[in-house]
Amino acid sequence: MSRVDDLPAHQKATLQLLLKQGKSYDELGSMLNLAPSAVRERALDALDALGPDTATGLAPARQDEISDHLLGQQRTAQRAATRTFLEGSEAGRAWAQAVADALAPMASGALPEIPAASAAGPPDEPGDVLTAEAPADAHLEPSSRLGGMLLLVGGAVVFVVLVALVVSRLFGDDAAERTATDRPASTQDGTGTAASTATGPEGGVESQIAMTSTTSKSVAAAFIVQQPTGRQLAINGQDFPPTDKTFNYAVWLTKPPSTAVRLGYVGGGVKGSGTDKGRLVTGANPDQIEATDPKAAATIRTALKDLYDYQQIIITREPAGADSTTPGATVVSGAIVRP
C-alpha cells in the first residue's frame, strides 16, 4: 500500500483533483464552496504526510513553497525562485523527491522537474518565513491548518443544505404509470425525475469521493453525509456539457462484474450559460421522497446503506426520458473507499 492510500479521504480527494485534472486552488475552491486558502491547506497537509518521517532541516515555509511547486500552483516567477532554492538545498531536493515519488502515480502527466544541485552553492536561507512573492491564493499559517479542515466540513454542510436532491421515478411499472399530477408540480422537469430542497444535516460528512474523467475536464466531488436516519449523498460538479432535450445525467453505484444501481437523474440538468454554466448539483435523500415514492426511497436507502459494498460511483449520460437499467457512457467516476 502506498503512502497516498494512508491519507484521509478529504486530502486524497484534493490531490486527485489537483493532479489528475490540473485544477487550481481557486477552481477547486469554487467547486467545493471553500476558500482557496482552505483548499491549499488541505493539499499542504497531505504533502506533509507524504514527506520523509525524519527531520530534514527544511523550514516549514520552504516546505510549503516546494509543495506549491510540485502541485503546479506557482506563477512563473515563483517557479524560478523555487528551482533556484532547490538547486542549492540538498534537504529541499531530498524532501521534494520523496514527495514527488509518492505523487507520481496520481498525476495525469509529469510533475515539475526537481533540478540537480548547483555548483554555486546554497542560497541564503531566510528561516521560517514566506518567500517574497506570495502564492496566488491567500496563505493560512501552519497553526491555522485545522481551521482549513473545519472550513471543508462546514462548506460541505452548507452545500448539503442548498443542494437540490434528485430521485428517479423509474423503479418499476407501478411507479412508471404515475402521472405528473401524482407529484409536486414544482419538481416535475420532464425527464422522469423529482427534486426537493434538502434540510440541514444533523450528522457529519462521513467521506468525500473525487470523481474525475479520463476524456474531459468534467470533475465532481461526492459527499457522503451520515444522518440519524441513514446516509445521504450530495454531489457538486463542474465543467459538465450542458444538457438538452436529448440527454440527461444519471448517478449510479457499481461493482463488478455487472451490478449497477441507479440512484436517480439530475433533475435540474446542467446549464450552458450564466454563472452556473457547466455546474452539476444533485444528490439523493430517501427521507425527502418517502411519502411520494416509497419504492424509490427504499432502493436508495438500501444502496447507500450498503455503500461500501460497491466499488465506484459514476455519473453517466442517458437518453432523455429513458428508463435506463444499465449505465450509459460514463462522464466521471470515483472509487468508493471506506474511510
Protein backbone atom coordinates (compact mmCIF):
# COMPACT_ATOMS: atom_id res chain seq x y z
CA MET A 1 0.00 0.00 0.00
CA SER A 2 1.38 3.44 -0.93
CA ARG A 3 1.62 6.36 1.48
CA VAL A 4 -1.11 8.09 -0.53
CA ASP A 5 -3.52 5.29 0.39
CA ASP A 6 -2.99 6.13 4.06
CA LEU A 7 -4.13 9.75 3.64
CA PRO A 8 -7.54 10.85 4.98
CA ALA A 9 -10.20 10.75 2.29
CA HIS A 10 -10.57 14.55 2.06
CA GLN A 11 -6.83 15.02 1.49
CA LYS A 12 -6.61 12.23 -1.08
CA ALA A 13 -9.60 13.63 -2.96
CA THR A 14 -7.98 17.08 -3.08
CA LEU A 15 -4.74 15.70 -4.54
CA GLN A 16 -6.64 13.69 -7.14
CA LEU A 17 -8.46 16.78 -8.39
CA LEU A 18 -5.32 18.92 -8.39
CA LEU A 19 -3.05 16.38 -10.08
CA LYS A 20 -5.35 14.44 -12.40
CA GLN A 21 -7.44 17.37 -13.60
CA GLY A 22 -4.91 20.16 -13.29
CA LYS A 23 -7.25 22.33 -11.21
CA SER A 24 -6.00 25.41 -9.41
CA TYR A 25 -6.70 26.12 -5.77
CA ASP A 26 -9.21 28.76 -6.92
CA GLU A 27 -11.06 26.38 -9.27
CA LEU A 28 -11.24 23.61 -6.70
CA GLY A 29 -12.37 26.03 -4.00
CA SER A 30 -15.20 27.20 -6.26
CA MET A 31 -16.30 23.63 -6.85
CA LEU A 32 -16.28 22.75 -3.16
CA ASN A 33 -17.62 26.07 -1.89
CA LEU A 34 -14.37 26.64 0.03
CA ALA A 35 -11.88 29.46 0.24
CA PRO A 36 -8.85 28.74 -2.00
CA SER A 37 -6.67 29.05 1.10
CA ALA A 38 -8.57 26.18 2.74
CA VAL A 39 -8.03 24.01 -0.33
CA ARG A 40 -4.33 24.86 -0.27
CA GLU A 41 -4.01 23.94 3.39
CA ARG A 42 -5.59 20.55 2.75
CA ALA A 43 -3.06 19.94 -0.02
CA LEU A 44 -0.15 21.10 2.16
CA ASP A 45 -1.23 18.80 4.98
CA ALA A 46 -1.36 15.89 2.54
CA LEU A 47 2.16 16.57 1.25
CA ASP A 48 3.39 16.98 4.84
CA ALA A 49 2.21 13.43 5.47
CA LEU A 50 3.82 12.11 2.28
CA GLY A 51 7.23 13.58 3.07
CA PRO A 52 10.04 11.77 4.91
CA ASP A 53 9.29 10.85 8.51
CA THR A 54 12.68 12.01 9.71
CA ALA A 55 13.50 15.68 10.21
CA THR A 56 15.15 17.26 7.16
CA GLY A 57 16.13 20.68 8.48
CA LEU A 58 13.76 22.23 5.94
CA ALA A 59 11.93 25.35 7.14
CA PRO A 60 8.11 24.94 7.09
CA ALA A 61 7.71 27.92 4.76
CA ARG A 62 10.16 26.37 2.30
CA GLN A 63 8.35 23.06 2.53
CA ASP A 64 5.07 24.79 1.68
CA GLU A 65 6.77 26.56 -1.22
CA ILE A 66 8.02 23.24 -2.61
CA SER A 67 4.56 21.74 -2.18
CA ASP A 68 3.03 24.52 -4.31
CA HIS A 69 5.75 23.86 -6.89
CA LEU A 70 5.08 20.11 -7.09
CA LEU A 71 1.33 20.70 -7.38
CA GLY A 72 1.78 23.18 -10.23
CA GLN A 73 0.29 26.09 -8.28
CA GLN A 74 3.03 28.70 -8.76
CA ARG A 75 3.41 31.62 -11.12
CA THR A 76 6.40 31.84 -13.46
CA ALA A 77 8.49 33.97 -11.11
CA GLN A 78 7.68 31.72 -8.16
CA ARG A 79 8.66 28.59 -10.09
CA ALA A 80 12.00 30.14 -10.99
CA ALA A 81 12.65 31.13 -7.37
CA THR A 82 11.78 27.66 -6.10
CA ARG A 83 14.05 25.99 -8.66
CA THR A 84 16.90 28.25 -7.59
CA PHE A 85 16.34 27.29 -3.97
CA LEU A 86 16.19 23.57 -4.78
CA GLU A 87 19.43 23.77 -6.78
CA GLY A 88 21.22 24.94 -3.65
CA SER A 89 19.39 22.92 -0.97
CA GLU A 90 20.15 19.24 -0.52
CA ALA A 91 17.43 18.98 2.15
CA GLY A 92 14.92 20.62 -0.18
CA ARG A 93 15.74 18.28 -3.06
CA ALA A 94 15.51 15.21 -0.83
CA TRP A 95 12.13 16.22 0.54
CA ALA A 96 10.81 17.17 -2.89
CA GLN A 97 11.96 13.90 -4.46
CA ALA A 98 10.36 11.78 -1.72
CA VAL A 99 7.04 13.60 -2.12
CA ALA A 100 7.22 13.54 -5.93
CA ASP A 101 7.77 9.77 -5.90
CA ALA A 102 4.61 9.37 -3.79
CA LEU A 103 2.57 11.71 -6.00
CA ALA A 104 3.68 10.35 -9.38
CA PRO A 105 1.08 7.54 -9.64
CA MET A 106 -1.72 10.07 -9.08
CA ALA A 107 -0.59 12.61 -11.68
CA SER A 108 -2.02 12.65 -15.20
CA GLY A 109 1.33 13.89 -16.54
CA ALA A 110 4.87 14.59 -15.45
CA LEU A 111 5.35 16.51 -12.22
CA PRO A 112 7.55 19.63 -12.22
CA GLU A 113 11.21 18.71 -12.52
CA ILE A 114 13.39 18.69 -9.44
CA PRO A 115 16.64 20.36 -10.51
CA ALA A 116 20.10 18.99 -9.87
CA ALA A 117 22.48 20.57 -7.39
CA SER A 118 24.02 23.88 -8.41
CA ALA A 119 27.78 24.41 -8.34
CA ALA A 120 27.18 27.90 -6.98
CA GLY A 121 26.32 26.57 -3.52
CA PRO A 122 23.21 27.02 -1.38
CA PRO A 123 21.26 30.29 -1.29
CA ASP A 124 20.76 32.18 1.93
CA GLU A 125 18.02 30.51 3.97
CA PRO A 126 15.57 33.08 5.36
CA GLY A 127 14.26 30.78 8.04
CA ASP A 128 10.60 30.20 8.81
CA VAL A 129 9.19 32.96 6.59
CA LEU A 130 7.31 33.09 3.33
CA THR A 131 9.00 33.87 0.04
CA ALA A 132 8.87 37.49 -1.09
CA GLU A 133 6.17 36.81 -3.67
CA ALA A 134 3.13 35.21 -2.07
CA PRO A 135 1.22 32.43 -3.90
CA ALA A 136 -1.79 33.44 -5.97
CA ASP A 137 -4.05 32.29 -3.15
CA ALA A 138 -4.15 33.56 0.44
CA HIS A 139 -1.98 31.60 2.88
CA LEU A 140 -3.08 30.29 6.25
CA GLU A 141 -0.24 29.96 8.70
CA PRO A 142 0.63 26.33 9.63
CA SER A 143 -1.07 26.75 13.01
CA SER A 144 -4.34 27.52 11.19
CA ARG A 145 -4.50 24.38 9.08
CA LEU A 146 -7.03 22.78 11.38
CA GLY A 147 -9.25 25.73 10.56
CA GLY A 148 -8.92 24.88 6.89
CA MET A 149 -10.13 21.35 7.56
CA LEU A 150 -13.05 22.68 9.57
CA LEU A 151 -13.91 25.00 6.71
CA LEU A 152 -14.09 21.95 4.50
CA VAL A 153 -16.64 20.26 6.73
CA GLY A 154 -18.56 23.49 7.18
CA GLY A 155 -18.63 24.08 3.44
CA ALA A 156 -19.87 20.58 2.83
CA VAL A 157 -22.68 21.02 5.34
CA VAL A 158 -23.74 24.31 3.78
CA PHE A 159 -23.66 22.64 0.39
CA VAL A 160 -25.93 19.85 1.56
CA VAL A 161 -28.39 22.41 2.89
CA LEU A 162 -28.60 24.09 -0.51
CA VAL A 163 -28.36 21.11 -2.86
CA ALA A 164 -31.34 20.08 -4.99
CA LEU A 165 -31.92 16.44 -4.14
CA VAL A 166 -32.91 14.24 -7.05
CA VAL A 167 -34.54 10.82 -7.30
CA SER A 168 -35.84 8.74 -10.17
CA ARG A 169 -39.46 7.66 -10.50
CA LEU A 170 -38.45 4.78 -12.77
CA PHE A 171 -38.03 1.93 -10.28
CA GLY A 172 -40.88 -0.27 -11.50
CA ASP A 173 -44.07 -0.46 -13.53
CA ASP A 174 -46.24 0.90 -10.75
CA ALA A 175 -44.06 4.00 -10.46
CA ALA A 176 -43.78 4.45 -14.20
CA GLU A 177 -47.56 4.57 -14.51
CA ARG A 178 -47.83 7.63 -12.30
CA THR A 179 -48.78 10.91 -13.95
CA ALA A 180 -47.30 14.32 -13.35
CA THR A 181 -50.19 15.20 -11.08
CA ASP A 182 -49.09 12.50 -8.65
CA ARG A 183 -46.03 14.54 -7.63
CA PRO A 184 -45.42 18.16 -6.67
CA ALA A 185 -45.69 20.39 -9.72
CA SER A 186 -42.55 22.32 -8.81
CA THR A 187 -40.40 19.18 -9.07
CA GLN A 188 -41.51 17.81 -12.41
CA ASP A 189 -38.84 18.50 -15.02
CA GLY A 190 -39.95 16.38 -17.94
CA THR A 191 -37.19 13.80 -17.57
CA GLY A 192 -38.81 11.47 -15.09
CA THR A 193 -37.11 12.97 -12.07
CA ALA A 194 -38.15 14.81 -8.97
CA ALA A 195 -36.24 17.31 -6.91
CA SER A 196 -36.68 18.77 -3.44
CA THR A 197 -34.78 21.09 -1.15
CA ALA A 198 -32.55 19.43 1.41
CA THR A 199 -32.76 20.11 5.09
CA GLY A 200 -29.65 20.74 7.13
CA PRO A 201 -27.90 17.56 8.25
CA GLU A 202 -27.73 16.71 11.92
CA GLY A 203 -24.86 14.30 11.27
CA GLY A 204 -21.50 14.95 9.62
CA VAL A 205 -19.62 14.35 6.40
CA GLU A 206 -18.56 10.71 6.51
CA SER A 207 -16.41 10.75 3.40
CA GLN A 208 -15.69 12.58 0.17
CA ILE A 209 -15.11 10.97 -3.21
CA ALA A 210 -13.27 12.68 -6.05
CA MET A 211 -14.91 11.91 -9.39
CA THR A 212 -12.77 12.51 -12.46
CA SER A 213 -12.74 11.86 -16.19
CA THR A 214 -10.05 10.47 -18.46
CA THR A 215 -11.53 12.12 -21.55
CA SER A 216 -12.80 15.56 -20.49
CA LYS A 217 -12.41 18.37 -17.96
CA SER A 218 -15.54 17.33 -16.07
CA VAL A 219 -14.95 16.78 -12.34
CA ALA A 220 -17.19 16.29 -9.32
CA ALA A 221 -16.98 15.81 -5.58
CA ALA A 222 -19.39 13.43 -3.87
CA PHE A 223 -20.14 13.97 -0.17
CA ILE A 224 -21.44 11.07 1.91
CA VAL A 225 -23.36 12.57 4.82
CA GLN A 226 -24.33 10.46 7.83
CA GLN A 227 -27.76 11.28 9.24
CA PRO A 228 -29.63 9.69 12.17
CA THR A 229 -31.91 8.03 9.60
CA GLY A 230 -29.07 6.83 7.40
CA ARG A 231 -26.70 8.03 4.71
CA GLN A 232 -27.40 10.80 2.21
CA LEU A 233 -25.47 11.77 -0.89
CA ALA A 234 -24.63 15.23 -2.25
CA ILE A 235 -22.68 15.90 -5.46
CA ASN A 236 -21.13 19.12 -6.73
CA GLY A 237 -19.56 19.08 -10.19
CA GLN A 238 -18.23 21.50 -12.77
CA ASP A 239 -17.25 21.64 -16.45
CA PHE A 240 -20.08 19.32 -17.50
CA PRO A 241 -21.51 19.65 -21.03
CA PRO A 242 -24.97 21.28 -20.84
CA THR A 243 -27.98 19.00 -21.02
CA ASP A 244 -30.64 19.39 -23.71
CA LYS A 245 -33.82 17.65 -24.85
CA THR A 246 -31.88 14.58 -25.95
CA PHE A 247 -30.00 13.56 -22.81
CA ASN A 248 -29.61 13.95 -19.07
CA TYR A 249 -27.16 12.77 -16.41
CA ALA A 250 -27.73 9.88 -14.01
CA VAL A 251 -25.91 8.78 -10.85
CA TRP A 252 -25.08 5.11 -10.22
CA LEU A 253 -23.32 2.86 -7.74
CA THR A 254 -21.49 0.00 -9.45
CA LYS A 255 -19.47 -3.11 -8.68
CA PRO A 256 -18.08 -5.84 -10.93
CA PRO A 257 -18.89 -7.77 -12.85
CA SER A 258 -22.14 -6.06 -13.82
CA THR A 259 -24.04 -4.79 -10.78
CA ALA A 260 -25.32 -1.22 -11.08
CA VAL A 261 -27.90 0.63 -9.00
CA ARG A 262 -29.26 3.87 -10.38
CA LEU A 263 -29.79 6.46 -7.65
CA GLY A 264 -31.54 8.92 -9.96
CA TYR A 265 -31.27 11.57 -12.62
CA VAL A 266 -30.09 15.16 -12.35
CA GLY A 267 -33.40 16.97 -12.07
CA GLY A 268 -32.27 20.49 -12.94
CA GLY A 269 -29.90 19.42 -15.69
CA VAL A 270 -26.76 21.40 -16.48
CA LYS A 271 -26.90 24.92 -17.89
CA GLY A 272 -24.92 26.06 -20.90
CA SER A 273 -24.60 29.72 -19.94
CA GLY A 274 -24.61 32.10 -17.00
CA THR A 275 -22.89 31.81 -13.65
CA ASP A 276 -23.94 28.15 -13.31
CA LYS A 277 -22.58 27.15 -16.73
CA GLY A 278 -21.32 23.58 -16.63
CA ARG A 279 -22.21 23.12 -12.96
CA LEU A 280 -23.88 19.91 -11.85
CA VAL A 281 -25.50 19.94 -8.42
CA THR A 282 -27.50 16.94 -7.27
CA GLY A 283 -27.89 14.35 -4.52
CA ALA A 284 -30.00 11.59 -3.03
CA ASN A 285 -32.01 11.74 0.21
CA PRO A 286 -34.53 8.92 0.69
CA ASP A 287 -36.19 10.74 3.60
CA GLN A 288 -37.31 13.51 1.25
CA ILE A 289 -39.30 11.18 -1.04
CA GLU A 290 -40.55 8.57 1.41
CA ALA A 291 -44.15 9.77 1.23
CA THR A 292 -44.37 10.30 -2.55
CA ASP A 293 -42.22 7.41 -3.82
CA PRO A 294 -41.58 4.79 -1.11
CA LYS A 295 -40.19 2.23 -3.56
CA ALA A 296 -37.58 4.64 -4.89
CA ALA A 297 -36.77 5.74 -1.32
CA ALA A 298 -36.23 2.11 -0.26
CA THR A 299 -33.93 1.45 -3.23
CA ILE A 300 -31.80 4.50 -2.49
CA ARG A 301 -31.73 3.85 1.26
CA THR A 302 -30.57 0.24 0.75
CA ALA A 303 -27.93 1.25 -1.79
CA LEU A 304 -26.48 3.93 0.48
CA LYS A 305 -26.64 1.62 3.49
CA ASP A 306 -24.52 -0.88 1.54
CA LEU A 307 -22.37 1.87 0.01
CA TYR A 308 -19.04 0.23 0.76
CA ASP A 309 -20.10 -2.99 -0.96
CA TYR A 310 -19.80 -1.05 -4.23
CA GLN A 311 -16.57 -0.06 -5.96
CA GLN A 312 -17.46 3.11 -7.82
CA ILE A 313 -19.88 5.99 -8.01
CA ILE A 314 -20.36 7.19 -11.57
CA ILE A 315 -22.25 9.87 -13.47
CA THR A 316 -23.42 8.85 -16.93
CA ARG A 317 -25.16 10.30 -19.97
CA GLU A 318 -28.61 8.81 -20.51
CA PRO A 319 -31.23 9.39 -23.22
CA ALA A 320 -33.88 11.84 -22.00
CA GLY A 321 -36.96 10.07 -20.68
CA ALA A 322 -35.34 6.62 -20.85
CA ASP A 323 -35.80 4.01 -18.13
CA SER A 324 -32.12 3.07 -18.10
CA THR A 325 -31.41 -0.19 -16.32
CA THR A 326 -27.70 -0.25 -17.20
CA PRO A 327 -25.30 2.71 -17.15
CA GLY A 328 -24.75 4.72 -20.31
CA ALA A 329 -21.49 6.41 -21.23
CA THR A 330 -19.53 7.31 -18.10
CA VAL A 331 -18.72 11.01 -17.74
CA VAL A 332 -16.93 10.93 -14.37
CA SER A 333 -16.23 8.19 -11.86
CA GLY A 334 -14.71 7.85 -8.41
CA ALA A 335 -13.57 4.93 -6.30
CA ILE A 336 -15.55 4.24 -3.13
CA VAL A 337 -13.14 3.70 -0.25
CA ARG A 338 -14.21 3.09 3.32
CA PRO A 339 -12.83 5.95 5.47
